[in-house]
């Protein structure tokens, strides 16, 4: 009998969710938007990070169908030069480290 209890206790996995996880609803499903337009840059900027990367579904809360449409629309907007491929002026690094190949003791004019 004691053996059965220990086996049942071992089956439960530790580290499970202690509280209920709040699911984010898809913005496009809520507003019943069927197609995402690549020309609507203001809407697409919500789905791009500061560095210019497309944010994941986990972050945006979009459903799979609309996340695929967002990614396609962002790529089309980049191709048409409505959105940048990378963010401008984000060259600052933490820790004060230099980039590879950057030698502060040499002149760049040579």
N, C-alpha and C. Protein backbone atom coordinates (compact mmCIF):
# COMPACT_ATOMS: atom_id res chain seq x y z
N UNK A 1 0.83 -1.19 0.00
CA UNK A 1 0.00 0.00 0.00
C UNK A 1 0.87 1.26 0.00
N UNK A 2 1.89 1.25 0.82
CA UNK A 2 2.78 2.40 0.87
C UNK A 2 3.51 2.56 -0.45
N UNK A 3 3.78 1.46 -1.10
CA UNK A 3 4.47 1.49 -2.38
C UNK A 3 3.60 2.15 -3.45
N UNK A 4 2.31 1.90 -3.44
CA UNK A 4 1.38 2.49 -4.40
C UNK A 4 1.31 4.01 -4.25
N UNK A 5 1.34 4.47 -3.03
CA UNK A 5 1.28 5.92 -2.79
C UNK A 5 2.53 6.63 -3.32
N UNK A 6 3.67 6.03 -3.10
CA UNK A 6 4.89 6.67 -3.57
C UNK A 6 4.94 6.71 -5.09
N UNK A 7 4.42 5.67 -5.76
CA UNK A 7 4.39 5.68 -7.21
C UNK A 7 3.45 6.75 -7.74
N UNK A 8 2.31 6.94 -7.07
CA UNK A 8 1.37 7.97 -7.49
C UNK A 8 1.97 9.36 -7.29
N UNK A 9 2.70 9.53 -6.21
CA UNK A 9 3.31 10.83 -5.95
C UNK A 9 4.42 11.12 -6.95
N UNK A 10 5.13 10.08 -7.39
CA UNK A 10 6.21 10.27 -8.35
C UNK A 10 5.68 10.60 -9.74
N UNK A 11 4.48 10.22 -10.06
CA UNK A 11 3.92 10.49 -11.38
C UNK A 11 3.67 11.97 -11.60
N UNK A 12 3.37 12.69 -10.54
CA UNK A 12 3.14 14.12 -10.67
C UNK A 12 4.46 14.82 -10.94
N UNK A 13 4.47 15.69 -11.90
CA UNK A 13 5.70 16.39 -12.25
C UNK A 13 5.81 17.69 -11.46
N UNK A 14 6.93 17.89 -10.83
CA UNK A 14 7.11 19.14 -10.08
C UNK A 14 7.32 20.32 -11.04
N UNK A 15 7.04 21.48 -10.56
CA UNK A 15 7.27 22.68 -11.36
C UNK A 15 6.14 23.00 -12.33
N UNK A 16 4.99 22.41 -12.12
CA UNK A 16 3.84 22.68 -12.98
C UNK A 16 3.29 24.08 -12.71
N UNK A 17 2.36 24.51 -13.52
CA UNK A 17 1.81 25.86 -13.32
C UNK A 17 1.05 25.96 -11.99
N UNK A 18 1.47 26.90 -11.18
CA UNK A 18 0.84 27.08 -9.87
C UNK A 18 -0.49 27.82 -10.01
N UNK A 19 -0.54 28.75 -10.96
CA UNK A 19 -1.76 29.52 -11.19
C UNK A 19 -2.19 29.35 -12.63
N UNK A 20 -3.39 29.74 -12.91
CA UNK A 20 -3.91 29.65 -14.27
C UNK A 20 -3.19 30.66 -15.16
N UNK A 21 -2.75 30.22 -16.33
CA UNK A 21 -2.04 31.09 -17.26
C UNK A 21 -3.08 31.82 -18.12
N UNK A 22 -2.95 33.13 -18.19
CA UNK A 22 -3.89 33.93 -18.97
C UNK A 22 -3.50 33.89 -20.44
N UNK A 23 -4.40 33.41 -21.28
CA UNK A 23 -4.13 33.36 -22.72
C UNK A 23 -4.45 34.70 -23.34
N UNK A 24 -3.57 35.11 -24.26
CA UNK A 24 -3.81 36.36 -24.98
C UNK A 24 -4.64 36.05 -26.20
N UNK A 25 -5.67 36.83 -26.41
CA UNK A 25 -6.53 36.61 -27.56
C UNK A 25 -5.97 37.32 -28.78
N UNK A 26 -6.23 36.74 -29.94
CA UNK A 26 -5.75 37.30 -31.19
C UNK A 26 -6.51 38.58 -31.50
N UNK A 27 -5.76 39.65 -31.76
CA UNK A 27 -6.36 40.95 -32.07
C UNK A 27 -7.17 40.88 -33.36
N UNK A 28 -6.67 40.16 -34.34
CA UNK A 28 -7.32 40.08 -35.64
C UNK A 28 -8.59 39.23 -35.58
N UNK A 29 -8.59 38.19 -34.77
CA UNK A 29 -9.80 37.38 -34.61
C UNK A 29 -10.88 38.16 -33.87
N UNK A 30 -10.46 38.96 -32.89
CA UNK A 30 -11.41 39.77 -32.14
C UNK A 30 -12.13 40.77 -33.03
N UNK A 31 -11.35 41.43 -33.90
CA UNK A 31 -11.92 42.44 -34.79
C UNK A 31 -12.42 41.86 -36.11
N UNK A 32 -12.35 40.54 -36.24
CA UNK A 32 -12.82 39.82 -37.43
C UNK A 32 -12.17 40.33 -38.70
N UNK A 33 -10.83 40.46 -38.66
CA UNK A 33 -10.06 40.88 -39.82
C UNK A 33 -9.60 39.61 -40.53
N UNK A 34 -9.99 39.47 -41.81
CA UNK A 34 -9.66 38.26 -42.57
C UNK A 34 -8.26 38.33 -43.14
N UNK A 35 -7.89 39.45 -43.74
CA UNK A 35 -6.58 39.61 -44.38
C UNK A 35 -5.83 40.77 -43.75
N UNK A 36 -4.53 40.63 -43.63
CA UNK A 36 -3.68 41.68 -43.07
C UNK A 36 -3.00 42.39 -44.23
N UNK A 37 -3.14 43.71 -44.28
CA UNK A 37 -2.62 44.50 -45.39
C UNK A 37 -1.18 44.93 -45.09
N UNK A 38 -0.28 44.71 -46.03
CA UNK A 38 1.12 45.07 -45.84
C UNK A 38 1.32 46.59 -45.87
N UNK A 39 0.35 47.34 -46.39
CA UNK A 39 0.48 48.79 -46.48
C UNK A 39 0.13 49.49 -45.16
N UNK A 40 -0.49 48.77 -44.24
CA UNK A 40 -0.86 49.33 -42.94
C UNK A 40 0.36 49.20 -42.00
N UNK A 41 1.28 50.13 -42.16
CA UNK A 41 2.56 50.06 -41.45
C UNK A 41 2.38 50.28 -39.95
N UNK A 42 1.46 51.14 -39.56
CA UNK A 42 1.25 51.42 -38.14
C UNK A 42 0.83 50.15 -37.39
N UNK A 43 0.00 49.35 -38.02
CA UNK A 43 -0.45 48.11 -37.39
C UNK A 43 0.67 47.08 -37.35
N UNK A 44 1.48 47.03 -38.40
CA UNK A 44 2.56 46.04 -38.46
C UNK A 44 3.69 46.35 -37.50
N UNK A 45 3.88 47.61 -37.15
CA UNK A 45 4.96 47.98 -36.22
C UNK A 45 4.76 47.37 -34.84
N UNK A 46 3.52 47.04 -34.48
CA UNK A 46 3.26 46.40 -33.19
C UNK A 46 3.87 45.00 -33.14
N UNK A 47 4.09 44.40 -34.28
CA UNK A 47 4.57 43.03 -34.35
C UNK A 47 6.05 42.94 -34.70
N UNK A 48 6.76 44.06 -34.58
CA UNK A 48 8.20 44.10 -34.86
C UNK A 48 8.91 44.63 -33.61
N UNK A 49 10.03 44.03 -33.26
CA UNK A 49 10.79 44.45 -32.09
C UNK A 49 11.58 45.73 -32.41
N UNK A 50 12.26 46.24 -31.39
CA UNK A 50 13.06 47.46 -31.56
C UNK A 50 14.20 47.24 -32.54
N UNK A 51 14.69 46.01 -32.60
CA UNK A 51 15.80 45.68 -33.50
C UNK A 51 15.33 45.39 -34.91
N UNK A 52 14.03 45.28 -35.11
CA UNK A 52 13.50 45.03 -36.45
C UNK A 52 13.09 43.59 -36.69
N UNK A 53 13.15 42.75 -35.66
CA UNK A 53 12.78 41.35 -35.82
C UNK A 53 11.27 41.18 -35.66
N UNK A 54 10.73 40.17 -36.33
CA UNK A 54 9.31 39.86 -36.19
C UNK A 54 9.12 39.14 -34.86
N UNK A 55 8.19 39.63 -34.05
CA UNK A 55 7.94 39.02 -32.75
C UNK A 55 7.19 37.71 -32.91
N UNK A 56 7.38 36.80 -31.96
CA UNK A 56 6.76 35.48 -32.02
C UNK A 56 5.31 35.52 -31.56
N UNK A 57 4.62 34.44 -31.83
CA UNK A 57 3.22 34.31 -31.42
C UNK A 57 3.07 34.38 -29.92
N UNK A 58 4.04 33.84 -29.21
CA UNK A 58 4.00 33.83 -27.75
C UNK A 58 3.97 35.25 -27.20
N UNK A 59 4.68 36.15 -27.87
CA UNK A 59 4.75 37.54 -27.42
C UNK A 59 3.55 38.33 -27.91
N UNK A 60 3.19 38.18 -29.18
CA UNK A 60 2.13 39.01 -29.77
C UNK A 60 0.75 38.56 -29.38
N UNK A 61 0.58 37.24 -29.15
CA UNK A 61 -0.74 36.73 -28.81
C UNK A 61 -1.60 36.46 -30.02
N UNK A 62 -1.03 36.53 -31.22
CA UNK A 62 -1.79 36.26 -32.43
C UNK A 62 -1.96 34.75 -32.62
N UNK A 63 -3.05 34.36 -33.28
CA UNK A 63 -3.24 32.95 -33.58
C UNK A 63 -2.29 32.55 -34.71
N UNK A 64 -2.21 31.26 -34.97
CA UNK A 64 -1.24 30.76 -35.96
C UNK A 64 -1.53 31.34 -37.35
N UNK A 65 -2.77 31.33 -37.74
CA UNK A 65 -3.15 31.82 -39.08
C UNK A 65 -2.77 33.28 -39.27
N UNK A 66 -3.10 34.11 -38.29
CA UNK A 66 -2.82 35.54 -38.41
C UNK A 66 -1.34 35.84 -38.23
N UNK A 67 -0.61 35.03 -37.43
CA UNK A 67 0.82 35.26 -37.28
C UNK A 67 1.55 35.00 -38.60
N UNK A 68 1.11 33.99 -39.36
CA UNK A 68 1.69 33.73 -40.68
C UNK A 68 1.41 34.91 -41.60
N UNK A 69 0.19 35.45 -41.54
CA UNK A 69 -0.16 36.61 -42.37
C UNK A 69 0.63 37.84 -41.97
N UNK A 70 0.87 38.02 -40.68
CA UNK A 70 1.67 39.15 -40.20
C UNK A 70 3.09 39.04 -40.73
N UNK A 71 3.67 37.84 -40.64
CA UNK A 71 5.04 37.65 -41.10
C UNK A 71 5.15 37.92 -42.60
N UNK A 72 4.18 37.45 -43.37
CA UNK A 72 4.18 37.69 -44.82
C UNK A 72 4.02 39.17 -45.12
N UNK A 73 3.13 39.84 -44.39
CA UNK A 73 2.90 41.27 -44.61
C UNK A 73 4.13 42.09 -44.24
N UNK A 74 4.81 41.72 -43.17
CA UNK A 74 6.03 42.43 -42.76
C UNK A 74 7.11 42.27 -43.82
N UNK A 75 7.25 41.04 -44.34
CA UNK A 75 8.26 40.79 -45.37
C UNK A 75 7.95 41.56 -46.65
N UNK A 76 6.68 41.66 -47.01
CA UNK A 76 6.30 42.43 -48.19
C UNK A 76 6.54 43.92 -47.96
N UNK A 77 6.22 44.40 -46.77
CA UNK A 77 6.43 45.82 -46.46
C UNK A 77 7.92 46.16 -46.45
N UNK A 78 8.74 45.24 -46.00
CA UNK A 78 10.19 45.46 -46.06
C UNK A 78 10.67 45.52 -47.50
N UNK A 79 10.14 44.63 -48.33
CA UNK A 79 10.54 44.60 -49.74
C UNK A 79 10.15 45.90 -50.45
N UNK A 80 9.02 46.48 -50.06
CA UNK A 80 8.55 47.73 -50.67
C UNK A 80 9.14 48.96 -49.98
N UNK A 81 10.03 48.75 -49.03
CA UNK A 81 10.72 49.81 -48.28
C UNK A 81 9.76 50.62 -47.41
N UNK A 82 8.69 49.99 -46.96
CA UNK A 82 7.79 50.64 -46.00
C UNK A 82 8.26 50.40 -44.56
N UNK A 83 8.93 49.26 -44.34
CA UNK A 83 9.51 48.93 -43.04
C UNK A 83 10.99 48.64 -43.23
N UNK A 84 11.80 48.96 -42.21
CA UNK A 84 13.24 48.65 -42.33
C UNK A 84 13.51 47.18 -42.02
N UNK A 85 14.57 46.66 -42.63
CA UNK A 85 15.00 45.29 -42.32
C UNK A 85 15.63 45.23 -40.94
N UNK A 86 16.43 46.25 -40.59
CA UNK A 86 17.05 46.34 -39.27
C UNK A 86 16.82 47.74 -38.73
N UNK A 87 16.90 47.86 -37.41
CA UNK A 87 16.72 49.17 -36.79
C UNK A 87 17.97 50.02 -37.00
N UNK A 88 17.77 51.30 -37.10
CA UNK A 88 18.90 52.21 -37.31
C UNK A 88 19.42 52.71 -35.98
N UNK A 89 20.75 52.81 -35.87
CA UNK A 89 21.38 53.41 -34.70
C UNK A 89 21.37 52.56 -33.46
N UNK A 90 21.22 51.26 -33.57
CA UNK A 90 21.24 50.40 -32.39
C UNK A 90 22.57 49.67 -32.37
N UNK A 91 23.65 50.42 -32.32
CA UNK A 91 24.99 49.84 -32.30
C UNK A 91 25.57 49.81 -30.90
N UNK A 92 24.89 50.36 -29.95
CA UNK A 92 25.39 50.47 -28.59
C UNK A 92 25.33 49.11 -27.91
N UNK A 93 26.44 48.70 -27.32
CA UNK A 93 26.49 47.42 -26.61
C UNK A 93 26.71 47.66 -25.13
N UNK A 94 26.21 46.74 -24.33
CA UNK A 94 26.41 46.87 -22.90
C UNK A 94 27.77 46.29 -22.51
N UNK A 95 28.34 46.76 -21.46
CA UNK A 95 29.60 46.24 -20.96
C UNK A 95 30.81 46.96 -21.49
N UNK A 96 30.65 47.87 -22.42
CA UNK A 96 31.77 48.63 -22.94
C UNK A 96 32.72 47.83 -23.80
N UNK A 97 32.30 46.68 -24.32
CA UNK A 97 33.16 45.86 -25.15
C UNK A 97 33.18 46.41 -26.57
N UNK A 98 34.28 46.19 -27.25
CA UNK A 98 34.42 46.62 -28.63
C UNK A 98 34.00 45.50 -29.56
N UNK A 99 33.61 45.86 -30.78
CA UNK A 99 33.29 44.86 -31.79
C UNK A 99 34.57 44.16 -32.22
N UNK A 100 34.42 43.00 -32.81
CA UNK A 100 35.57 42.28 -33.34
C UNK A 100 36.20 43.08 -34.45
N UNK A 101 37.49 43.13 -34.46
CA UNK A 101 38.19 43.85 -35.51
C UNK A 101 38.32 45.34 -35.25
N UNK A 102 37.63 45.85 -34.24
CA UNK A 102 37.71 47.28 -33.94
C UNK A 102 38.89 47.51 -33.01
N UNK A 103 39.90 48.18 -33.53
CA UNK A 103 41.08 48.48 -32.74
C UNK A 103 41.11 49.97 -32.50
N UNK A 104 40.95 50.37 -31.27
CA UNK A 104 40.91 51.79 -30.95
C UNK A 104 42.25 52.50 -31.10
N UNK A 105 43.35 51.73 -31.12
CA UNK A 105 44.67 52.35 -31.19
C UNK A 105 45.12 52.64 -32.62
N UNK A 106 44.38 52.21 -33.64
CA UNK A 106 44.77 52.43 -35.02
C UNK A 106 43.90 53.47 -35.68
N UNK A 107 44.48 54.19 -36.61
CA UNK A 107 43.73 55.17 -37.39
C UNK A 107 42.97 54.46 -38.48
N UNK A 108 41.83 54.95 -38.83
CA UNK A 108 41.03 54.34 -39.87
C UNK A 108 41.36 54.88 -41.26
N UNK A 109 42.17 55.94 -41.32
CA UNK A 109 42.50 56.56 -42.60
C UNK A 109 43.51 55.76 -43.42
N UNK A 110 44.24 54.93 -42.81
CA UNK A 110 45.33 54.22 -43.52
C UNK A 110 44.83 53.24 -44.51
